[in-house]
Amino acid sequence: MCVEAIMQSPSNGGSCTDKSKYLDKLKAGDTVLVYQLSDSKFVIIDKVVSL
């Protein structure tokens, strides 16, 4: 899964800290939670896993 994080610079001008968590790439057969933005655009919210 590719994730693009948009980070804003802190107000004091210091460096940004990336606290994002990244999952492995999706494979055929993976179950995901999606949100439909339009007829042709979808957002993958999360990968569904069994514990």
C-alpha atoms as a PDB file:
ATOM      1  CA  MET A   1       0.000   0.000   0.000  1.00  0.00           C
ATOM      2  CA  CYS A   2       1.387   3.394  -0.922  1.00  0.00           C
ATOM      3  CA  VAL A   3       0.664   6.166   1.541  1.00  0.00           C
ATOM      4  CA  GLU A   4       1.344   9.836   0.911  1.00  0.00           C
ATOM      5  CA  ALA A   5       1.486  11.909   4.075  1.00  0.00           C
ATOM      6  CA  ILE A   6       0.898  15.643   3.895  1.00  0.00           C
ATOM      7  CA  MET A   7       2.740  17.272   6.755  1.00  0.00           C
ATOM      8  CA  GLN A   8       2.706  20.883   7.841  1.00  0.00           C
ATOM      9  CA  SER A   9       5.673  22.704   9.211  1.00  0.00           C
ATOM     10  CA  PRO A  10       5.456  23.495  12.926  1.00  0.00           C
ATOM     11  CA  SER A  11       4.709  27.136  13.714  1.00  0.00           C
ATOM     12  CA  ASN A  12       8.170  27.563  15.265  1.00  0.00           C
ATOM     13  CA  GLY A  13       9.816  26.592  11.950  1.00  0.00           C
ATOM     14  CA  GLY A  14      11.294  23.341  13.289  1.00  0.00           C
ATOM     15  CA  SER A  15      11.430  20.079  11.398  1.00  0.00           C
ATOM     16  CA  CYS A  16       8.372  17.858  10.913  1.00  0.00           C
ATOM     17  CA  THR A  17       8.017  14.507  12.638  1.00  0.00           C
ATOM     18  CA  ASP A  18       6.412  11.645  10.714  1.00  0.00           C
ATOM     19  CA  LYS A  19       4.403   9.482  13.110  1.00  0.00           C
ATOM     20  CA  SER A  20       2.614   7.597  10.310  1.00  0.00           C
ATOM     21  CA  LYS A  21       2.373   3.811  10.314  1.00  0.00           C
ATOM     22  CA  TYR A  22       2.757   1.985   7.026  1.00  0.00           C
ATOM     23  CA  LEU A  23       1.342  -1.410   6.039  1.00  0.00           C
ATOM     24  CA  ASP A  24       2.749  -3.932   3.588  1.00  0.00           C
ATOM     25  CA  LYS A  25       1.671  -3.649  -0.056  1.00  0.00           C
ATOM     26  CA  LEU A  26      -1.796  -4.962  -0.844  1.00  0.00           C
ATOM     27  CA  LYS A  27      -1.984  -8.348  -2.546  1.00  0.00           C
ATOM     28  CA  ALA A  28      -4.703  -9.957  -4.656  1.00  0.00           C
ATOM     29  CA  GLY A  29      -7.374 -11.279  -2.303  1.00  0.00           C
ATOM     30  CA  ASP A  30      -6.702  -8.802   0.537  1.00  0.00           C
ATOM     31  CA  THR A  31      -9.825  -7.444   2.231  1.00  0.00           C
ATOM     32  CA  VAL A  32      -9.917  -3.651   2.616  1.00  0.00           C
ATOM     33  CA  LEU A  33     -12.285  -1.010   3.947  1.00  0.00           C
ATOM     34  CA  VAL A  34     -13.048   1.568   1.243  1.00  0.00           C
ATOM     35  CA  TYR A  35     -14.867   4.887   1.076  1.00  0.00           C
ATOM     36  CA  GLN A  36     -16.345   6.000  -2.243  1.00  0.00           C
ATOM     37  CA  LEU A  37     -15.615   9.646  -3.077  1.00  0.00           C
ATOM     38  CA  SER A  38     -17.292   9.672  -6.495  1.00  0.00           C
ATOM     39  CA  ASP A  39     -18.307   7.282  -9.284  1.00  0.00           C
ATOM     40  CA  SER A  40     -14.641   6.691 -10.129  1.00  0.00           C
ATOM     41  CA  LYS A  41     -12.657   7.612  -6.979  1.00  0.00           C
ATOM     42  CA  PHE A  42     -12.228   5.493  -3.855  1.00  0.00           C
ATOM     43  CA  VAL A  43     -10.105   5.808  -0.724  1.00  0.00           C
ATOM     44  CA  ILE A  44      -8.699   2.708   0.952  1.00  0.00           C
ATOM     45  CA  ILE A  45      -9.272   3.330   4.661  1.00  0.00           C
ATOM     46  CA  ASP A  46      -7.595   0.255   6.113  1.00  0.00           C
ATOM     47  CA  LYS A  47      -6.635  -3.331   5.488  1.00  0.00           C
ATOM     48  CA  VAL A  48      -8.811  -5.875   7.315  1.00  0.00           C
ATOM     49  CA  VAL A  49      -6.781  -8.467   9.230  1.00  0.00           C
ATOM     50  CA  SER A  50      -7.602 -11.395  11.523  1.00  0.00           C
ATOM     51  CA  LEU A  51      -6.110 -11.530  14.987  1.00  0.00           C
END
